[in-house]
Amino acid sequence: MSEQDAPSFDGLEKGQVVATREVSFTRDTLVRYAGASGDFNPIHYNDVVATSVGLPGVIAHGMLTMGTAASVVEEWAGPGNVVDFQCRFARPIPVPNPGEAVVALTAAVGLLDEETRTARIDVTVEFEGQKVLAKAQALVSCA
């Protein structure tokens, strides 16, 4: 997608929801992510280790959560139009065995800059009604 395929700046307004998604993380998801990322920290697959360090059990990788949040914006904005993405990790996402952790993501326009024709997209990432990422924000170049 080229810049001409970027979101239209003129069609955006503060507070506008531009994307939503619900994703499920399972233990299988964590194994696959560990293999792809090389992050084999046992807190992501071993309940005994996870609880021994004070966690509620096995938790999802923070970068998996962040990447999922960024992908919601990228799918809306188009490849190459997300010029920055930042967040803070607020709380872990416990992943049960068996079962899944369902995460809700909402991306909304937080700020518009007419001079640079960019939009700050604020991403809310929640698990069981609580935010798991804080200040998750993408900067998107618009047409």
N, C-alpha and C. Protein backbone atom coordinates (compact mmCIF):
# COMPACT_ATOMS: atom_id res chain seq x y z
N MET A 1 0.86 -1.18 0.00
CA MET A 1 0.00 0.00 0.00
C MET A 1 0.89 1.23 0.00
N SER A 2 0.61 2.17 -0.83
CA SER A 2 1.41 3.38 -0.91
C SER A 2 0.76 4.49 -0.11
N GLU A 3 1.47 5.63 -0.04
CA GLU A 3 0.94 6.77 0.71
C GLU A 3 -0.44 7.17 0.21
N GLN A 4 -0.68 7.01 -1.10
CA GLN A 4 -1.99 7.39 -1.61
C GLN A 4 -3.10 6.51 -1.03
N ASP A 5 -2.72 5.32 -0.52
CA ASP A 5 -3.69 4.43 0.10
C ASP A 5 -3.81 4.66 1.60
N ALA A 6 -3.12 5.67 2.11
CA ALA A 6 -3.19 5.99 3.53
C ALA A 6 -4.59 6.50 3.86
N PRO A 7 -4.97 6.41 5.13
CA PRO A 7 -6.28 6.96 5.52
C PRO A 7 -6.37 8.44 5.18
N SER A 8 -7.54 8.87 4.80
CA SER A 8 -7.75 10.29 4.49
C SER A 8 -7.81 11.10 5.79
N PHE A 9 -6.92 12.06 5.91
CA PHE A 9 -6.90 12.91 7.09
C PHE A 9 -8.22 13.66 7.24
N ASP A 10 -8.76 14.12 6.11
CA ASP A 10 -9.99 14.92 6.14
C ASP A 10 -11.20 14.13 6.62
N GLY A 11 -11.15 12.81 6.56
CA GLY A 11 -12.28 12.00 6.99
C GLY A 11 -12.22 11.57 8.45
N LEU A 12 -11.20 12.06 9.18
CA LEU A 12 -11.04 11.63 10.56
C LEU A 12 -11.48 12.71 11.54
N GLU A 13 -11.95 12.27 12.69
CA GLU A 13 -12.26 13.20 13.77
C GLU A 13 -11.90 12.56 15.10
N LYS A 14 -11.53 13.42 16.04
CA LYS A 14 -11.12 12.95 17.37
C LYS A 14 -12.23 12.11 18.00
N GLY A 15 -11.83 10.98 18.57
CA GLY A 15 -12.78 10.08 19.21
C GLY A 15 -13.34 9.01 18.29
N GLN A 16 -13.15 9.16 17.01
CA GLN A 16 -13.66 8.20 16.03
C GLN A 16 -12.98 6.84 16.19
N VAL A 17 -13.77 5.79 16.34
CA VAL A 17 -13.23 4.44 16.40
C VAL A 17 -12.93 3.99 14.97
N VAL A 18 -11.67 3.59 14.75
CA VAL A 18 -11.26 3.19 13.40
C VAL A 18 -11.10 1.68 13.25
N ALA A 19 -10.99 0.96 14.37
CA ALA A 19 -10.86 -0.49 14.28
C ALA A 19 -11.15 -1.13 15.63
N THR A 20 -11.71 -2.33 15.58
CA THR A 20 -11.91 -3.13 16.78
C THR A 20 -11.56 -4.57 16.43
N ARG A 21 -11.19 -5.31 17.44
CA ARG A 21 -10.90 -6.73 17.23
C ARG A 21 -10.93 -7.43 18.59
N GLU A 22 -11.27 -8.69 18.53
CA GLU A 22 -11.18 -9.55 19.70
C GLU A 22 -10.26 -10.70 19.32
N VAL A 23 -9.26 -10.98 20.15
CA VAL A 23 -8.32 -12.07 19.87
C VAL A 23 -8.29 -13.02 21.06
N SER A 24 -7.97 -14.26 20.77
CA SER A 24 -7.84 -15.26 21.82
C SER A 24 -6.41 -15.76 21.84
N PHE A 25 -5.82 -15.75 23.03
CA PHE A 25 -4.50 -16.33 23.24
C PHE A 25 -4.70 -17.66 23.96
N THR A 26 -4.09 -18.71 23.43
CA THR A 26 -4.11 -20.02 24.07
C THR A 26 -2.66 -20.41 24.37
N ARG A 27 -2.48 -21.49 25.07
CA ARG A 27 -1.13 -21.98 25.32
C ARG A 27 -0.44 -22.29 23.99
N ASP A 28 -1.20 -22.77 23.03
CA ASP A 28 -0.65 -23.04 21.71
C ASP A 28 -0.14 -21.75 21.06
N THR A 29 -0.89 -20.66 21.21
CA THR A 29 -0.46 -19.35 20.70
C THR A 29 0.89 -18.98 21.30
N LEU A 30 1.05 -19.20 22.60
CA LEU A 30 2.29 -18.83 23.29
C LEU A 30 3.47 -19.67 22.81
N VAL A 31 3.24 -20.94 22.57
CA VAL A 31 4.31 -21.81 22.05
C VAL A 31 4.75 -21.33 20.67
N ARG A 32 3.79 -21.04 19.83
CA ARG A 32 4.12 -20.57 18.48
C ARG A 32 4.86 -19.23 18.52
N TYR A 33 4.39 -18.32 19.38
CA TYR A 33 5.06 -17.02 19.49
C TYR A 33 6.48 -17.19 20.03
N ALA A 34 6.65 -18.06 21.01
CA ALA A 34 7.99 -18.30 21.57
C ALA A 34 8.93 -18.79 20.48
N GLY A 35 8.46 -19.70 19.65
CA GLY A 35 9.29 -20.21 18.56
C GLY A 35 9.64 -19.14 17.55
N ALA A 36 8.68 -18.29 17.23
CA ALA A 36 8.92 -17.23 16.25
C ALA A 36 9.82 -16.13 16.79
N SER A 37 9.68 -15.82 18.08
CA SER A 37 10.40 -14.69 18.66
C SER A 37 11.71 -15.09 19.33
N GLY A 38 11.81 -16.36 19.70
CA GLY A 38 12.98 -16.79 20.45
C GLY A 38 12.88 -16.51 21.94
N ASP A 39 11.71 -16.07 22.40
CA ASP A 39 11.50 -15.77 23.82
C ASP A 39 10.97 -17.01 24.53
N PHE A 40 11.87 -17.80 25.09
CA PHE A 40 11.49 -19.04 25.76
C PHE A 40 11.52 -18.92 27.28
N ASN A 41 11.24 -17.72 27.79
CA ASN A 41 11.17 -17.54 29.23
C ASN A 41 10.08 -18.47 29.77
N PRO A 42 10.39 -19.29 30.78
CA PRO A 42 9.42 -20.27 31.26
C PRO A 42 8.14 -19.69 31.86
N ILE A 43 8.09 -18.41 32.15
CA ILE A 43 6.83 -17.83 32.65
C ILE A 43 5.75 -17.86 31.58
N HIS A 44 6.16 -18.12 30.33
CA HIS A 44 5.21 -18.18 29.22
C HIS A 44 4.76 -19.60 28.88
N TYR A 45 5.26 -20.61 29.65
CA TYR A 45 4.81 -21.97 29.37
C TYR A 45 4.79 -22.89 30.59
N ASN A 46 5.36 -22.47 31.71
CA ASN A 46 5.47 -23.35 32.87
C ASN A 46 4.78 -22.71 34.08
N ASP A 47 3.65 -23.30 34.49
CA ASP A 47 2.88 -22.74 35.61
C ASP A 47 3.67 -22.70 36.92
N VAL A 48 4.48 -23.72 37.17
CA VAL A 48 5.25 -23.78 38.42
C VAL A 48 6.23 -22.60 38.48
N VAL A 49 6.94 -22.36 37.40
CA VAL A 49 7.89 -21.24 37.36
C VAL A 49 7.13 -19.91 37.46
N ALA A 50 6.05 -19.78 36.72
CA ALA A 50 5.28 -18.53 36.72
C ALA A 50 4.77 -18.19 38.12
N THR A 51 4.18 -19.15 38.79
CA THR A 51 3.65 -18.88 40.13
C THR A 51 4.77 -18.66 41.15
N SER A 52 5.94 -19.30 40.93
CA SER A 52 7.05 -19.13 41.87
C SER A 52 7.62 -17.71 41.86
N VAL A 53 7.37 -16.98 40.78
CA VAL A 53 7.83 -15.58 40.72
C VAL A 53 6.69 -14.60 40.96
N GLY A 54 5.55 -15.10 41.48
CA GLY A 54 4.46 -14.22 41.88
C GLY A 54 3.40 -13.95 40.83
N LEU A 55 3.46 -14.64 39.71
CA LEU A 55 2.44 -14.46 38.68
C LEU A 55 1.26 -15.39 38.95
N PRO A 56 0.10 -15.09 38.37
CA PRO A 56 -1.07 -15.93 38.60
C PRO A 56 -1.00 -17.27 37.86
N GLY A 57 0.00 -17.45 37.05
CA GLY A 57 0.17 -18.62 36.19
C GLY A 57 0.88 -18.16 34.93
N VAL A 58 0.88 -19.03 33.94
CA VAL A 58 1.50 -18.69 32.66
C VAL A 58 0.86 -17.43 32.10
N ILE A 59 1.69 -16.53 31.58
CA ILE A 59 1.18 -15.27 31.02
C ILE A 59 1.61 -15.13 29.56
N ALA A 60 0.83 -14.36 28.81
CA ALA A 60 1.16 -14.06 27.42
C ALA A 60 2.39 -13.16 27.37
N HIS A 61 3.16 -13.29 26.32
CA HIS A 61 4.32 -12.44 26.09
C HIS A 61 3.85 -10.99 25.92
N GLY A 62 4.54 -10.07 26.56
CA GLY A 62 4.20 -8.65 26.41
C GLY A 62 4.32 -8.19 24.96
N MET A 63 5.35 -8.66 24.28
CA MET A 63 5.54 -8.23 22.89
C MET A 63 4.49 -8.84 21.96
N LEU A 64 3.94 -10.00 22.31
CA LEU A 64 2.82 -10.56 21.55
C LEU A 64 1.62 -9.65 21.68
N THR A 65 1.37 -9.20 22.89
CA THR A 65 0.24 -8.30 23.14
C THR A 65 0.45 -6.98 22.41
N MET A 66 1.64 -6.42 22.51
CA MET A 66 1.94 -5.15 21.83
C MET A 66 1.84 -5.31 20.31
N GLY A 67 2.38 -6.38 19.79
CA GLY A 67 2.32 -6.61 18.34
C GLY A 67 0.89 -6.77 17.84
N THR A 68 0.07 -7.42 18.65
CA THR A 68 -1.34 -7.58 18.28
C THR A 68 -2.02 -6.22 18.25
N ALA A 69 -1.72 -5.38 19.23
CA ALA A 69 -2.30 -4.03 19.27
C ALA A 69 -1.84 -3.20 18.06
N ALA A 70 -0.57 -3.28 17.74
CA ALA A 70 -0.05 -2.53 16.59
C ALA A 70 -0.66 -3.03 15.28
N SER A 71 -0.90 -4.34 15.20
CA SER A 71 -1.44 -4.90 13.95
C SER A 71 -2.86 -4.40 13.66
N VAL A 72 -3.62 -4.13 14.71
CA VAL A 72 -4.97 -3.59 14.52
C VAL A 72 -4.90 -2.24 13.81
N VAL A 73 -3.97 -1.41 14.24
CA VAL A 73 -3.80 -0.08 13.61
C VAL A 73 -3.25 -0.24 12.20
N GLU A 74 -2.25 -1.10 12.03
CA GLU A 74 -1.62 -1.28 10.73
C GLU A 74 -2.61 -1.79 9.68
N GLU A 75 -3.49 -2.69 10.07
CA GLU A 75 -4.49 -3.19 9.13
C GLU A 75 -5.44 -2.09 8.68
N TRP A 76 -5.76 -1.17 9.58
CA TRP A 76 -6.62 -0.05 9.21
C TRP A 76 -5.85 0.97 8.39
N ALA A 77 -4.64 1.32 8.81
CA ALA A 77 -3.87 2.41 8.19
C ALA A 77 -3.17 1.99 6.91
N GLY A 78 -2.87 0.71 6.78
CA GLY A 78 -2.15 0.22 5.62
C GLY A 78 -0.66 0.16 5.88
N PRO A 79 0.02 -0.79 5.24
CA PRO A 79 1.46 -0.97 5.43
C PRO A 79 2.24 0.30 5.15
N GLY A 80 3.18 0.60 6.03
CA GLY A 80 4.04 1.77 5.83
C GLY A 80 3.47 3.07 6.34
N ASN A 81 2.23 3.08 6.78
CA ASN A 81 1.63 4.33 7.24
C ASN A 81 1.66 4.51 8.75
N VAL A 82 1.98 3.46 9.49
CA VAL A 82 2.19 3.58 10.93
C VAL A 82 3.67 3.92 11.10
N VAL A 83 3.93 5.14 11.56
CA VAL A 83 5.32 5.60 11.65
C VAL A 83 5.90 5.46 13.06
N ASP A 84 5.04 5.19 14.05
CA ASP A 84 5.52 4.99 15.41
C ASP A 84 4.45 4.25 16.20
N PHE A 85 4.89 3.40 17.14
CA PHE A 85 3.96 2.74 18.05
C PHE A 85 4.66 2.61 19.39
N GLN A 86 3.97 3.02 20.45
CA GLN A 86 4.54 2.94 21.79
C GLN A 86 3.47 2.51 22.77
N CYS A 87 3.91 1.87 23.85
CA CYS A 87 2.98 1.52 24.93
C CYS A 87 3.77 1.21 26.19
N ARG A 88 3.05 1.08 27.27
CA ARG A 88 3.61 0.58 28.53
C ARG A 88 2.81 -0.66 28.90
N PHE A 89 3.49 -1.62 29.50
CA PHE A 89 2.81 -2.84 29.92
C PHE A 89 2.23 -2.59 31.31
N ALA A 90 0.90 -2.71 31.43
CA ALA A 90 0.22 -2.37 32.67
C ALA A 90 -0.07 -3.58 33.55
N ARG A 91 -0.43 -4.71 32.95
CA ARG A 91 -0.71 -5.91 33.73
C ARG A 91 -0.60 -7.12 32.80
N PRO A 92 -0.29 -8.27 33.38
CA PRO A 92 -0.13 -9.47 32.57
C PRO A 92 -1.47 -10.06 32.13
N ILE A 93 -1.41 -10.91 31.12
CA ILE A 93 -2.58 -11.64 30.65
C ILE A 93 -2.35 -13.12 30.97
N PRO A 94 -2.99 -13.64 32.03
CA PRO A 94 -2.87 -15.06 32.33
C PRO A 94 -3.58 -15.89 31.25
N VAL A 95 -2.92 -16.96 30.83
CA VAL A 95 -3.49 -17.82 29.79
C VAL A 95 -3.74 -19.19 30.41
N PRO A 96 -5.02 -19.57 30.57
CA PRO A 96 -5.35 -20.82 31.25
C PRO A 96 -5.01 -22.06 30.41
N ASN A 97 -4.96 -23.20 31.12
CA ASN A 97 -4.75 -24.46 30.43
C ASN A 97 -5.67 -25.49 31.07
N PRO A 98 -6.70 -25.93 30.39
CA PRO A 98 -7.05 -25.57 29.02
C PRO A 98 -7.80 -24.24 29.00
N GLY A 99 -8.06 -23.74 27.82
CA GLY A 99 -8.84 -22.53 27.67
C GLY A 99 -8.11 -21.47 26.89
N GLU A 100 -8.63 -20.26 27.00
CA GLU A 100 -8.09 -19.14 26.24
C GLU A 100 -8.28 -17.85 27.01
N ALA A 101 -7.43 -16.89 26.70
CA ALA A 101 -7.56 -15.54 27.24
C ALA A 101 -8.06 -14.67 26.10
N VAL A 102 -9.24 -14.10 26.27
CA VAL A 102 -9.84 -13.27 25.22
C VAL A 102 -9.51 -11.80 25.49
N VAL A 103 -8.91 -11.16 24.51
CA VAL A 103 -8.46 -9.78 24.63
C VAL A 103 -9.24 -8.92 23.65
N ALA A 104 -9.77 -7.80 24.14
CA ALA A 104 -10.54 -6.87 23.30
C ALA A 104 -9.68 -5.65 22.98
N LEU A 105 -9.64 -5.29 21.69
CA LEU A 105 -8.84 -4.15 21.24
C LEU A 105 -9.73 -3.14 20.53
N THR A 106 -9.54 -1.87 20.85
CA THR A 106 -10.27 -0.78 20.19
C THR A 106 -9.27 0.32 19.85
N ALA A 107 -9.26 0.72 18.58
CA ALA A 107 -8.38 1.79 18.13
C ALA A 107 -9.23 3.00 17.77
N ALA A 108 -8.88 4.15 18.35
CA ALA A 108 -9.66 5.37 18.13
C ALA A 108 -8.72 6.56 17.93
N VAL A 109 -9.19 7.53 17.19
CA VAL A 109 -8.41 8.74 16.95
C VAL A 109 -8.30 9.52 18.25
N GLY A 110 -7.07 9.77 18.68
CA GLY A 110 -6.83 10.51 19.91
C GLY A 110 -6.45 11.95 19.67
N LEU A 111 -5.78 12.20 18.54
CA LEU A 111 -5.30 13.54 18.24
C LEU A 111 -5.03 13.65 16.75
N LEU A 112 -5.34 14.81 16.18
CA LEU A 112 -5.07 15.07 14.77
C LEU A 112 -4.14 16.27 14.66
N ASP A 113 -3.13 16.15 13.82
CA ASP A 113 -2.18 17.24 13.59
C ASP A 113 -2.28 17.66 12.13
N GLU A 114 -2.96 18.79 11.91
CA GLU A 114 -3.18 19.27 10.53
C GLU A 114 -1.88 19.60 9.82
N GLU A 115 -0.93 20.18 10.55
CA GLU A 115 0.33 20.59 9.93
C GLU A 115 1.09 19.40 9.34
N THR A 116 1.16 18.30 10.07
CA THR A 116 1.90 17.13 9.59
C THR A 116 1.00 16.09 8.93
N ARG A 117 -0.32 16.31 9.00
CA ARG A 117 -1.31 15.37 8.46
C ARG A 117 -1.09 13.97 9.04
N THR A 118 -0.97 13.95 10.37
CA THR A 118 -0.84 12.69 11.08
C THR A 118 -1.97 12.56 12.09
N ALA A 119 -2.25 11.32 12.42
CA ALA A 119 -3.26 11.03 13.43
C ALA A 119 -2.62 10.17 14.52
N ARG A 120 -2.86 10.55 15.77
CA ARG A 120 -2.46 9.67 16.87
C ARG A 120 -3.64 8.75 17.13
N ILE A 121 -3.38 7.47 17.04
CA ILE A 121 -4.41 6.48 17.28
C ILE A 121 -4.16 5.85 18.64
N ASP A 122 -5.13 5.97 19.51
CA ASP A 122 -5.04 5.40 20.85
C ASP A 122 -5.68 4.01 20.83
N VAL A 123 -4.94 3.02 21.31
CA VAL A 123 -5.43 1.65 21.30
C VAL A 123 -5.71 1.20 22.74
N THR A 124 -6.93 0.80 22.98
CA THR A 124 -7.32 0.25 24.27
C THR A 124 -7.25 -1.27 24.14
N VAL A 125 -6.50 -1.88 25.04
CA VAL A 125 -6.33 -3.34 25.04
C VAL A 125 -6.76 -3.83 26.41
N GLU A 126 -7.85 -4.62 26.44
CA GLU A 126 -8.42 -5.05 27.71
C GLU A 126 -8.56 -6.57 27.80
N PHE A 127 -8.31 -7.06 29.00
CA PHE A 127 -8.54 -8.46 29.33
C PHE A 127 -9.39 -8.48 30.59
N GLU A 128 -10.52 -9.15 30.52
CA GLU A 128 -11.47 -9.22 31.64
C GLU A 128 -11.81 -7.83 32.18
N GLY A 129 -12.00 -6.88 31.26
CA GLY A 129 -12.43 -5.53 31.62
C GLY A 129 -11.34 -4.63 32.17
N GLN A 130 -10.09 -5.10 32.20
CA GLN A 130 -9.00 -4.27 32.70
C GLN A 130 -7.97 -4.04 31.60
N LYS A 131 -7.44 -2.81 31.57
CA LYS A 131 -6.42 -2.49 30.57
C LYS A 131 -5.13 -3.25 30.86
N VAL A 132 -4.57 -3.84 29.81
CA VAL A 132 -3.30 -4.55 29.96
C VAL A 132 -2.14 -3.76 29.34
N LEU A 133 -2.45 -2.81 28.48
CA LEU A 133 -1.45 -1.88 27.96
C LEU A 133 -1.88 -0.47 28.33
N ALA A 134 -0.92 0.35 28.72
CA ALA A 134 -1.21 1.75 29.05
C ALA A 134 -0.57 2.63 27.98
N LYS A 135 -1.22 3.71 27.65
CA LYS A 135 -0.71 4.66 26.67
C LYS A 135 -0.27 3.97 25.38
N ALA A 136 -1.06 3.04 24.92
CA ALA A 136 -0.78 2.38 23.64
C ALA A 136 -1.20 3.36 22.54
N GLN A 137 -0.21 3.88 21.83
CA GLN A 137 -0.47 4.92 20.84
C GLN A 137 0.34 4.69 19.58
N ALA A 138 -0.32 4.88 18.45
CA ALA A 138 0.34 4.79 17.15
C ALA A 138 0.27 6.16 16.49
N LEU A 139 1.30 6.49 15.74
CA LEU A 139 1.29 7.70 14.92
C LEU A 139 1.14 7.25 13.49
N VAL A 140 0.09 7.75 12.83
CA VAL A 140 -0.24 7.31 11.47
C VAL A 140 -0.13 8.49 10.51
N SER A 141 0.58 8.27 9.42
CA SER A 141 0.70 9.26 8.35
C SER A 141 -0.55 9.14 7.48
N CYS A 142 -1.22 10.26 7.24
CA CYS A 142 -2.47 10.27 6.47
C CYS A 142 -2.29 11.00 5.15
N ALA A 143 -3.19 10.70 4.25
CA ALA A 143 -3.18 11.35 2.93
C ALA A 143 -3.96 12.64 2.96
